[in-house]
Every structure is written in structure tokens, then in C-alpha cells.
Amino acid sequence: MRIPIIAAALLGLPLPAHAEAVGDSVSRDMPGLMAIYRDLHANPELSFQEVRSAKVMADAARKAGFTVTEKVGRTGVVAVLKNGEGPTVLIRADMDGLPVTEQTGLPFASTRKGTSTAGVESGVMHACGHDTHMTAWIETARLMAARKSEWSGTLVMIGQPAEELGLGALEMLKDGLYTRFPRPDYTLAFHDTPELPAGVVGAAKGWALANVDSVDILVRGTGGHGAYPHTTRDPIVLASSIVMKLQTLVSRENNPLDPAVVTVGSFHSGFKHNVIPDEAKLELTVRSYSDETRTRLLDGIRRVAKGEAIASGISEDRMPLVTVKEPHTRATWNTPEFTEDTVAALKGQLGDANVVFTPSVMGGEDFGEFRRADEAHVKSLILWVGGSDPQKLAAAKAGGPPMPSLHSPFWAPVADKVIASASQALTLTALRLMPK
């Protein structure tokens, strides 16, 4: 099938020759790419179990002429193509699926099952679109290898495991990504999104995705008979007070112009109608952008938990236990000038209407670790590529049926448009960064 180079083609406008050549190559390759995509979609693997997926990517990169190293950061892939003097560009795709039972109804839907790190068996699905990421990565590797006469520098392409755990990037860095292989000047990635029409490319300038912290609070009281509450220190009432007071950390203590989220996602306590338990357990997700805001929120959670316990008459030795899970996922920052330059270039190459600036989001992504590992040196950008049918998305925004979100068992992006636009955006950006 012919995949147009989005807006310019749709509007009948002339395209830059460079962009047109890349777009023609993607269109020609699309039948084979869709076969790869369907295979990856039907065979998802959970975090740190991406053996088959890694082999598909490694084999494709090796065939294209890259020097490939496997099992970096446990199941990661590093493919290097050196092509003379010039900057080093790193392009990343994540590989892992999710413990979700697929309900898309696609003829190539996953029927795989797996056991998560929590020891729970479930269906496995590419509910976050990492199958489109891997497929576009393969096409980008092929396109760059075929165009070695057009660029000069070093291209490092990595298949990253365990993004869904927020651990894969750290594992690859720990395993020598920046010491065993060329250290990048630029890091580049993309993620599909239901928030944009299929094929539209977006980018947030500055903060792109948030710090993600998981916090457990063990609220301890003194249990007893439900008919005699005065003889107890009810942890359910105390935990409820903590839940309500936590809301003020954002609404009354945080600058409204500095986004933050404190959500209590789980509240468990008790086992019988007439028994006041000894404990209640809360599980929170906490989102922020800056390290300073993160620290203030976490300190505030500890303060609120202790303060409410004191107000409830809890003894010092029974104060709530607040545990911040580590490692946490740190915020992703798009280097502003790099983002502005890339968006401007892609607008000229792909059409102004189909490359847009997008707002920051409170989701998390460990891609930011590749910049954090060398903040003074690396410029970084993660793009969004729309995956929603434009008519369905417009209807949803007008109050109609909502679009499935990422991680939904119903999420099925318009894969050919995602893969085509992402391949073009990654390739054109890499070519621009490494001129001959």
C-alpha cells in the first residue's frame, strides 16, 4: 500500500526531495513491515523476558550491516553503525509487553500468557504499542544503512527491555551502554499515542513525562470489636483522614503552575463486618516534574501520615510506616532547542499540519535516563506519534465514545500510519543531525 508523507501529500504540496525519497522507501517496505508488526503483536513478551523480540531486532539490524551486541542489560540489543567522523546519535525502541489479556478482536491478537514479576499469570499484550516502536526501529535501521552516502557519524540503535517496569534503561546503562559502546551526543525515541490522529507527529518542549513514585503507607492502629470502637484506635478512620489530607499537598501546598499528582490507588483493611482491624494499607502513585517538587511531595506524605496519626492518638511506636519504592522512574526532559529545531525541520519535511507541539503529560517513561546519565553532554527528544483513527478521535473529543487508552486491552493503533510516520521522523532527524 502507498503511505503518503502525511500533510504535504494530503494537501497536494511539493515535498523536499530528501523527505520524498524516505517516504517512498517506507511505502515500498510497508507490506513487509506490517508482517513484522503482526508477528511482534501476536508474540509479546513481558519485561526482561523479551528474548524472541530482541532476536527479531538483532537479526534485522545485523542483516542491515550493523555490529550487534545482544543481552545488554539482560535482554537488550545494541546495534552500532560507524560511518566516518561526526556526531553519535542513539535511537531507542522499547520491547516489552504488558500483563493484559487482549480484547481488540484483531485477527492476529495475542493469545500468549505469561507470569509477571509479581508472580501473577495473565494474558500478555502489546497494550502500549511497543510492537509499533520495534517495527519502526527496524525500518529506521534499514533506511539509515541504505543511505550511508548521505550522512557521517555513528548511529547507535538500542532495543530496550523492561520500560514498563522503569528499569530497562538503568539496566542497560549499568551494563556499560555508555562505556562499552559510543557515547551519544543525541538520544531519540518515539511513543505511539491515542491522543493524536494516526500519523501525526508531536513533541513537548522541556518536560515531556513525569517522575513516577510508588509509595506504600502502612497505617497501624489497635483493633477490637466493632461494637466498642472506644477501646480501639481505628486504622480505617485514620487512613481515611490521611487520604483526604493528602489531597491538600497538591491543592494547597503546590504551585498551581507546577503540575503534580498524588493518587491513592489502593486502600485495604479489615476482613469482617464487626471487627476493627489493626492495620490499613494504602498504595499511592505520585507524579511530578522537577526533583524539588518530588522531594516536597514525598516529604509532605510522610508529614501528613505522622501528623494525622498524632491527632488520632497513635503512640510513637505505632506511627505509620511510609515506604517510597526504589528505583523510581525519573522525569523525561526534551532538550528545548533540540526539540524546536526538530519540530521546525519535520514541519518542513512532513507538512506543517502534521507536526505539532504537544503538552507535557504525567505519564512516566524511563527514556529520560539516557540523558540523565550525562546531562551536560546529551541532547534528548522523545516524539509522540498519533495512533487513533481521526474520525473516531474527533467523535470522542465531541463527547462520543472515548478512545481506548494506552495499557487498555482494547488499544489497537492504526499501525501502518504509526510505523510510517515514526520511521520517517526518526530517519529524517538522524540524517539532519549527521550531515555528510
Protein backbone atom coordinates (compact mmCIF):
# COMPACT_ATOMS: atom_id res chain seq x y z
CA MET A 1 0.00 0.00 0.00
CA ARG A 2 1.12 3.57 -0.57
CA ILE A 3 1.64 5.50 2.69
CA PRO A 4 1.55 9.23 1.95
CA ILE A 5 4.05 11.57 3.56
CA ILE A 6 1.17 12.93 5.59
CA ALA A 7 0.15 16.56 5.31
CA ALA A 8 2.08 17.69 2.28
CA ALA A 9 0.82 14.78 0.25
CA LEU A 10 -2.70 15.26 1.53
CA LEU A 11 -2.64 18.93 0.56
CA GLY A 12 -1.03 18.32 -2.79
CA LEU A 13 2.05 20.38 -1.84
CA PRO A 14 5.57 19.68 -3.11
CA LEU A 15 7.82 17.78 -0.73
CA PRO A 16 11.56 18.19 -0.13
CA ALA A 17 13.36 15.58 -2.22
CA HIS A 18 15.02 14.12 0.87
CA ALA A 19 11.71 13.55 2.62
CA GLU A 20 10.03 12.25 -0.51
CA ALA A 21 12.78 9.66 -1.04
CA VAL A 22 12.48 8.40 2.54
CA GLY A 23 8.68 8.33 2.30
CA ASP A 24 8.82 6.37 -0.95
CA SER A 25 11.12 3.81 0.68
CA VAL A 26 8.77 3.39 3.64
CA SER A 27 5.79 2.94 1.33
CA ARG A 28 7.62 0.32 -0.65
CA ASP A 29 8.63 -1.53 2.51
CA MET A 30 5.24 -1.33 4.21
CA PRO A 31 3.90 -4.83 3.33
CA GLY A 32 6.95 -6.44 4.90
CA LEU A 33 6.87 -4.08 7.87
CA MET A 34 3.25 -4.96 8.58
CA ALA A 35 4.18 -8.64 8.55
CA ILE A 36 6.86 -7.91 11.17
CA TYR A 37 4.40 -5.85 13.19
CA ARG A 38 1.73 -8.58 13.19
CA ASP A 39 4.29 -11.16 14.26
CA LEU A 40 5.55 -8.99 17.13
CA HIS A 41 2.00 -8.13 18.14
CA ALA A 42 0.97 -11.78 18.28
CA ASN A 43 4.05 -12.75 20.30
CA PRO A 44 4.51 -10.20 23.09
CA GLU A 45 6.90 -10.82 25.97
CA LEU A 46 6.89 -9.41 29.48
CA SER A 47 9.63 -7.22 30.94
CA PHE A 48 13.09 -8.80 30.98
CA GLN A 49 11.66 -11.78 29.08
CA GLU A 50 11.99 -10.19 25.61
CA VAL A 51 14.21 -12.93 24.15
CA ARG A 52 12.27 -13.51 20.94
CA SER A 53 11.62 -9.81 20.33
CA ALA A 54 15.29 -8.99 20.87
CA LYS A 55 16.29 -11.65 18.35
CA VAL A 56 13.93 -10.21 15.71
CA MET A 57 15.51 -6.78 16.16
CA ALA A 58 19.07 -8.04 16.38
CA ASP A 59 18.73 -10.16 13.25
CA ALA A 60 17.25 -7.26 11.29
CA ALA A 61 19.99 -4.84 12.36
CA ARG A 62 22.73 -7.37 11.66
CA LYS A 63 21.32 -8.02 8.19
CA ALA A 64 21.31 -4.26 7.53
CA GLY A 65 25.04 -4.08 8.30
CA PHE A 66 25.17 -3.08 11.96
CA THR A 67 27.54 -4.55 14.50
CA VAL A 68 25.15 -6.08 17.01
CA THR A 69 25.59 -6.99 20.67
CA GLU A 70 22.83 -8.88 22.45
CA LYS A 71 21.98 -9.40 26.12
CA VAL A 72 22.95 -5.88 27.17
CA GLY A 73 21.06 -5.06 30.36
CA ARG A 74 19.82 -8.67 30.46
CA THR A 75 17.76 -8.79 27.23
CA GLY A 76 18.69 -5.53 25.48
CA VAL A 77 20.12 -5.10 21.98
CA VAL A 78 22.78 -2.59 20.90
CA ALA A 79 23.40 -2.13 17.16
CA VAL A 80 26.21 0.19 16.04
CA LEU A 81 26.90 1.55 12.56
CA LYS A 82 30.04 3.67 12.25
CA ASN A 83 30.18 5.84 9.15
CA GLY A 84 33.05 8.29 9.40
CA GLU A 85 33.56 11.36 11.53
CA GLY A 86 30.62 13.15 13.07
CA PRO A 87 28.21 13.10 15.99
CA THR A 88 26.82 9.99 17.63
CA VAL A 89 23.04 9.55 17.55
CA LEU A 90 21.27 6.97 19.72
CA ILE A 91 17.81 5.76 18.69
CA ARG A 92 15.87 3.65 21.17
CA ALA A 93 12.84 1.38 20.96
CA ASP A 94 11.32 -0.43 23.93
CA MET A 95 10.33 -4.06 23.58
CA ASP A 96 8.22 -5.32 26.48
CA GLY A 97 4.53 -6.12 26.54
CA LEU A 98 2.12 -5.90 29.46
CA PRO A 99 0.27 -8.46 31.63
CA VAL A 100 -3.01 -7.64 29.89
CA THR A 101 -5.40 -10.05 28.17
CA GLU A 102 -6.04 -8.67 24.69
CA GLN A 103 -9.62 -7.81 23.66
CA THR A 104 -9.04 -5.95 20.39
CA GLY A 105 -10.57 -8.62 18.18
CA LEU A 106 -7.67 -8.35 15.72
CA PRO A 107 -7.10 -11.47 13.64
CA PHE A 108 -3.50 -11.52 14.87
CA ALA A 109 -4.38 -10.74 18.51
CA SER A 110 -2.09 -12.12 21.17
CA THR A 111 -3.12 -15.32 22.89
CA ARG A 112 0.12 -15.54 24.85
CA LYS A 113 0.20 -16.00 28.59
CA GLY A 114 2.97 -15.18 30.99
CA THR A 115 3.92 -14.72 34.62
CA SER A 116 4.77 -11.20 35.74
CA THR A 117 7.46 -10.18 38.22
CA ALA A 118 4.69 -10.19 40.85
CA GLY A 119 4.21 -13.91 40.21
CA VAL A 120 0.78 -13.46 38.63
CA GLU A 121 -0.12 -15.38 35.49
CA SER A 122 -2.18 -13.49 32.91
CA GLY A 123 -2.54 -12.80 29.25
CA VAL A 124 0.25 -10.79 27.61
CA MET A 125 -0.39 -7.98 25.15
CA HIS A 126 1.37 -5.09 23.46
CA ALA A 127 -1.16 -2.74 25.04
CA CYS A 128 1.31 0.16 24.94
CA GLY A 129 2.26 -0.11 21.27
CA HIS A 130 5.84 -1.24 21.71
CA ASP A 131 5.33 -3.53 18.72
CA THR A 132 5.00 -0.42 16.52
CA HIS A 133 8.12 1.00 18.17
CA MET A 134 10.17 -2.08 17.33
CA THR A 135 8.90 -2.21 13.76
CA ALA A 136 9.70 1.45 13.11
CA TRP A 137 13.12 0.89 14.69
CA ILE A 138 13.83 -1.91 12.22
CA GLU A 139 12.77 0.25 9.28
CA THR A 140 14.86 3.18 10.52
CA ALA A 141 17.91 0.91 10.77
CA ARG A 142 17.38 -0.28 7.21
CA LEU A 143 16.82 3.23 5.87
CA MET A 144 19.93 4.63 7.55
CA ALA A 145 22.09 1.73 6.40
CA ALA A 146 20.88 2.16 2.82
CA ARG A 147 21.71 5.90 2.95
CA LYS A 148 25.26 5.79 4.27
CA SER A 149 26.33 8.12 1.46
CA GLU A 150 24.03 10.81 2.91
CA TRP A 151 25.37 11.01 6.47
CA SER A 152 28.53 10.89 8.52
CA GLY A 153 28.92 9.89 12.16
CA THR A 154 27.96 6.96 14.37
CA LEU A 155 24.48 5.54 14.76
CA VAL A 156 23.70 3.54 17.91
CA MET A 157 20.32 1.80 17.89
CA ILE A 158 19.13 0.06 21.02
CA GLY A 159 16.29 -2.31 21.78
CA GLN A 160 15.50 -1.65 25.43
CA PRO A 161 13.87 -4.14 27.80
CA ALA A 162 11.55 -3.51 30.74
CA GLU A 163 10.33 0.02 30.07
CA GLU A 164 7.08 -0.91 31.76
CA LEU A 165 8.97 -1.55 34.99
CA GLY A 166 11.02 1.63 34.64
CA LEU A 167 14.16 -0.49 34.95
CA GLY A 168 15.37 -1.31 31.45
CA ALA A 169 17.27 1.90 30.71
CA LEU A 170 19.05 1.72 34.06
CA GLU A 171 19.99 -1.91 33.44
CA MET A 172 21.49 -1.11 30.03
CA LEU A 173 23.45 1.84 31.45
CA LYS A 174 24.63 -0.30 34.36
CA ASP A 175 25.79 -2.92 31.85
CA GLY A 176 28.07 -0.41 30.11
CA LEU A 177 25.91 1.21 27.44
CA TYR A 178 27.98 4.41 27.64
CA THR A 179 31.35 2.72 28.25
CA ARG A 180 31.27 -0.36 26.04
CA PHE A 181 29.63 1.49 23.15
CA PRO A 182 29.92 5.00 21.67
CA ARG A 183 28.55 7.70 23.97
CA PRO A 184 25.77 9.65 22.21
CA ASP A 185 25.52 13.35 21.50
CA TYR A 186 21.79 12.94 20.84
CA THR A 187 19.21 10.44 22.08
CA LEU A 188 16.00 9.99 20.11
CA ALA A 189 12.85 7.87 20.55
CA PHE A 190 9.12 7.93 19.93
CA HIS A 191 5.97 6.63 21.56
CA ASP A 192 2.59 5.98 19.97
CA THR A 193 -0.38 7.82 21.48
CA PRO A 194 -4.18 7.71 21.21
CA GLU A 195 -4.27 11.47 21.79
CA LEU A 196 -3.26 12.37 18.20
CA PRO A 197 -4.69 11.38 14.81
CA ALA A 198 -2.89 8.49 13.19
CA GLY A 199 0.42 9.55 11.68
CA VAL A 200 0.60 12.99 13.28
CA VAL A 201 3.94 13.65 15.00
CA GLY A 202 4.07 15.63 18.23
CA ALA A 203 6.69 16.83 20.71
CA ALA A 204 6.63 18.52 24.10
CA LYS A 205 9.31 21.13 24.74
CA GLY A 206 11.03 20.75 28.12
CA TRP A 207 9.29 18.36 30.48
CA ALA A 208 7.74 15.56 28.44
CA LEU A 209 6.88 12.92 31.04
CA ALA A 210 6.87 12.89 34.81
CA ASN A 211 8.68 11.47 37.79
CA VAL A 212 6.78 8.37 38.87
CA ASP A 213 6.93 7.28 42.51
CA SER A 214 5.12 4.38 44.13
CA VAL A 215 4.53 4.88 47.84
CA ASP A 216 3.19 2.41 50.40
CA ILE A 217 1.74 3.56 53.72
CA LEU A 218 1.15 1.02 56.48
CA VAL A 219 -1.28 2.62 58.93
CA ARG A 220 -1.13 0.94 62.33
CA GLY A 221 -3.82 1.14 64.98
CA THR A 222 -5.26 -1.03 67.73
CA GLY A 223 -8.01 -3.40 66.67
CA GLY A 224 -11.05 -4.63 68.53
CA HIS A 225 -14.78 -5.24 68.44
CA GLY A 226 -16.77 -3.05 66.07
CA ALA A 227 -19.42 -2.53 68.78
CA TYR A 228 -16.84 -0.98 71.14
CA PRO A 229 -14.82 1.45 68.99
CA HIS A 230 -13.78 3.48 72.05
CA THR A 231 -11.49 0.61 73.08
CA THR A 232 -9.60 0.78 69.77
CA ARG A 233 -7.51 3.10 67.63
CA ASP A 234 -9.30 2.58 64.31
CA PRO A 235 -6.77 2.42 61.43
CA ILE A 236 -9.54 2.69 58.82
CA VAL A 237 -10.66 6.07 60.14
CA LEU A 238 -7.03 7.21 60.43
CA ALA A 239 -6.19 6.01 56.92
CA SER A 240 -9.27 7.80 55.58
CA SER A 241 -8.10 11.02 57.23
CA ILE A 242 -4.68 10.55 55.66
CA VAL A 243 -6.26 10.03 52.22
CA MET A 244 -8.24 13.24 52.48
CA LYS A 245 -5.38 15.31 53.88
CA LEU A 246 -3.03 14.12 51.14
CA GLN A 247 -5.19 15.96 48.61
CA THR A 248 -4.02 19.27 50.07
CA LEU A 249 -0.41 18.57 49.10
CA VAL A 250 -1.38 19.46 45.55
CA SER A 251 -4.36 21.77 46.06
CA ARG A 252 -2.92 23.91 48.87
CA GLU A 253 0.84 23.40 49.06
CA ASN A 254 1.93 23.11 45.44
CA ASN A 255 2.25 25.97 42.95
CA PRO A 256 -0.72 25.57 40.55
CA LEU A 257 1.67 26.24 37.65
CA ASP A 258 3.85 23.28 38.67
CA PRO A 259 1.85 20.12 37.84
CA ALA A 260 1.73 17.38 40.45
CA VAL A 261 -0.42 14.35 41.23
CA VAL A 262 -0.94 12.37 44.44
CA THR A 263 -3.37 9.49 43.85
CA VAL A 264 -4.31 6.79 46.34
CA GLY A 265 -4.91 3.81 44.09
CA SER A 266 -5.38 1.12 46.71
CA PHE A 267 -6.90 1.05 50.23
CA HIS A 268 -7.05 -2.32 52.01
CA SER A 269 -8.08 -3.01 55.58
CA GLY A 270 -10.16 -5.42 57.63
CA PHE A 271 -11.84 -8.74 56.97
CA LYS A 272 -15.17 -8.77 58.84
CA HIS A 273 -18.16 -6.51 59.45
CA ASN A 274 -17.83 -6.22 63.18
CA VAL A 275 -14.05 -6.31 63.66
CA ILE A 276 -11.91 -3.17 63.72
CA PRO A 277 -8.54 -4.27 62.30
CA ASP A 278 -5.04 -3.46 63.49
CA GLU A 279 -3.78 -2.13 60.16
CA ALA A 280 -4.72 -0.43 56.92
CA LYS A 281 -2.60 -0.35 53.80
CA LEU A 282 -2.52 2.47 51.25
CA GLU A 283 -0.77 2.41 47.87
CA LEU A 284 -0.09 5.71 46.12
CA THR A 285 1.23 6.93 42.80
CA VAL A 286 2.95 10.30 42.94
CA ARG A 287 3.76 12.33 39.84
CA SER A 288 5.91 15.44 39.45
CA TYR A 289 8.40 17.01 37.07
CA SER A 290 11.25 18.64 38.96
CA ASP A 291 13.33 16.87 41.58
CA GLU A 292 12.49 19.68 44.02
CA THR A 293 8.74 19.16 43.64
CA ARG A 294 9.19 15.43 44.01
CA THR A 295 11.07 15.84 47.27
CA ARG A 296 8.46 18.25 48.63
CA LEU A 297 5.60 15.86 47.83
CA LEU A 298 7.29 12.84 49.38
CA ASP A 299 8.25 14.79 52.49
CA GLY A 300 4.65 16.04 52.66
CA ILE A 301 3.28 12.49 52.53
CA ARG A 302 5.45 11.50 55.47
CA ARG A 303 4.42 14.61 57.41
CA VAL A 304 0.70 14.11 56.76
CA ALA A 305 0.80 10.44 57.73
CA LYS A 306 2.59 11.18 61.01
CA GLY A 307 0.53 14.28 61.78
CA GLU A 308 -2.80 12.55 61.32
CA ALA A 309 -1.59 9.65 63.44
CA ILE A 310 -0.64 12.01 66.25
CA ALA A 311 -4.05 13.69 66.01
CA SER A 312 -5.66 10.24 66.32
CA GLY A 313 -3.75 9.40 69.48
CA ILE A 314 -1.45 6.78 67.97
CA SER A 315 1.60 6.05 70.11
CA GLU A 316 5.08 6.85 68.83
CA ASP A 317 5.92 3.19 68.33
CA ARG A 318 2.84 2.72 66.12
CA MET A 319 3.38 5.64 63.74
CA PRO A 320 2.53 4.91 60.07
CA LEU A 321 5.33 3.38 58.01
CA VAL A 322 5.86 5.24 54.72
CA THR A 323 7.89 3.40 52.09
CA VAL A 324 8.96 5.02 48.83
CA LYS A 325 9.68 2.28 46.31
CA GLU A 326 13.04 2.45 44.57
CA PRO A 327 14.21 2.80 41.93
CA HIS A 328 11.61 5.28 40.78
CA THR A 329 11.07 6.43 37.19
CA ARG A 330 12.59 9.86 36.75
CA ALA A 331 11.08 12.59 34.59
CA THR A 332 11.87 12.81 30.89
CA TRP A 333 13.17 16.14 29.61
CA ASN A 334 13.15 17.13 25.93
CA THR A 335 16.06 19.49 25.32
CA PRO A 336 14.22 22.69 24.29
CA GLU A 337 16.44 23.90 21.44
CA PHE A 338 16.81 20.37 20.05
CA THR A 339 13.03 19.96 20.19
CA GLU A 340 12.37 23.30 18.49
CA ASP A 341 14.87 22.58 15.71
CA THR A 342 13.48 19.08 15.15
CA VAL A 343 9.85 20.19 15.04
CA ALA A 344 10.71 23.00 12.62
CA ALA A 345 12.62 20.63 10.35
CA LEU A 346 9.91 17.97 10.41
CA LYS A 347 7.23 20.54 9.66
CA GLY A 348 9.14 21.41 6.50
CA GLN A 349 9.69 17.78 5.60
CA LEU A 350 6.38 16.18 6.54
CA GLY A 351 3.96 19.09 6.36
CA ASP A 352 3.11 21.80 8.86
CA ALA A 353 -0.32 20.43 9.79
CA ASN A 354 1.04 17.05 10.81
CA VAL A 355 3.84 18.02 13.15
CA VAL A 356 2.70 19.74 16.32
CA PHE A 357 3.82 20.79 19.76
CA THR A 358 2.08 18.81 22.50
CA PRO A 359 1.61 19.44 26.22
CA SER A 360 3.59 17.63 28.87
CA VAL A 361 1.89 14.58 30.40
CA MET A 362 2.01 12.97 33.82
CA GLY A 363 2.75 9.50 32.49
CA GLY A 364 6.19 8.01 33.01
CA GLU A 365 8.95 6.76 30.71
CA ASP A 366 12.48 5.66 31.56
CA PHE A 367 13.87 7.00 28.27
CA GLY A 368 14.94 10.08 30.24
CA GLU A 369 17.64 8.03 31.97
CA PHE A 370 19.77 8.11 28.82
CA ARG A 371 20.01 11.90 29.13
CA ARG A 372 20.32 11.83 32.92
CA ALA A 373 23.40 9.61 32.63
CA ASP A 374 25.29 12.52 31.04
CA GLU A 375 23.16 15.65 31.38
CA ALA A 376 25.95 18.03 30.42
CA HIS A 377 26.58 16.29 27.12
CA VAL A 378 23.46 14.57 25.74
CA LYS A 379 20.60 16.32 23.95
CA SER A 380 17.40 14.30 24.12
CA LEU A 381 13.98 14.10 22.48
CA ILE A 382 11.09 11.66 22.61
CA LEU A 383 8.39 12.20 19.98
CA TRP A 384 4.74 11.24 20.07
CA VAL A 385 3.17 9.62 17.00
CA GLY A 386 -0.61 9.51 16.81
CA GLY A 387 -2.32 6.15 16.51
CA SER A 388 -6.04 6.99 16.55
CA ASP A 389 -8.46 6.89 13.67
CA PRO A 390 -9.05 10.63 13.00
CA GLN A 391 -12.85 10.32 12.76
CA LYS A 392 -13.13 8.27 15.95
CA LEU A 393 -10.81 10.65 17.78
CA ALA A 394 -12.83 13.67 16.65
CA ALA A 395 -16.04 11.96 17.77
CA ALA A 396 -14.52 11.17 21.15
CA LYS A 397 -13.47 14.78 21.65
CA ALA A 398 -17.02 15.85 20.74
CA GLY A 399 -18.45 13.72 23.56
CA GLY A 400 -18.78 10.40 21.79
CA PRO A 401 -17.34 7.04 22.84
CA PRO A 402 -13.88 7.54 24.36
CA MET A 403 -10.79 6.20 22.65
CA PRO A 404 -9.05 3.29 24.38
CA SER A 405 -6.04 4.50 26.32
CA LEU A 406 -2.55 3.09 26.38
CA HIS A 407 -2.49 -0.06 28.54
CA SER A 408 -6.11 -0.78 27.61
CA PRO A 409 -6.93 -4.32 26.41
CA PHE A 410 -8.75 -2.59 23.52
CA TRP A 411 -5.87 -0.38 22.32
CA ALA A 412 -5.13 -1.13 18.66
CA PRO A 413 -3.36 1.77 16.95
CA VAL A 414 -3.61 2.39 13.23
CA ALA A 415 -0.31 0.59 12.98
CA ASP A 416 0.69 1.32 9.38
CA LYS A 417 0.36 5.08 9.93
CA VAL A 418 2.28 4.95 13.22
CA ILE A 419 5.10 2.92 11.71
CA ALA A 420 5.30 5.02 8.54
CA SER A 421 5.37 8.40 10.30
CA ALA A 422 7.71 7.24 13.04
CA SER A 423 10.17 5.70 10.56
CA GLN A 424 10.21 8.89 8.55
CA ALA A 425 10.55 11.18 11.57
CA LEU A 426 13.39 9.15 13.12
CA THR A 427 15.26 8.75 9.84
CA LEU A 428 14.91 12.36 8.71
CA THR A 429 16.00 13.62 12.12
CA ALA A 430 19.05 11.34 12.22
CA LEU A 431 20.05 12.42 8.71
CA ARG A 432 19.73 16.07 9.75
CA LEU A 433 21.87 15.57 12.83
CA MET A 434 24.65 13.78 10.91
CA PRO A 435 25.13 15.71 7.66
CA LYS A 436 27.71 14.41 5.22
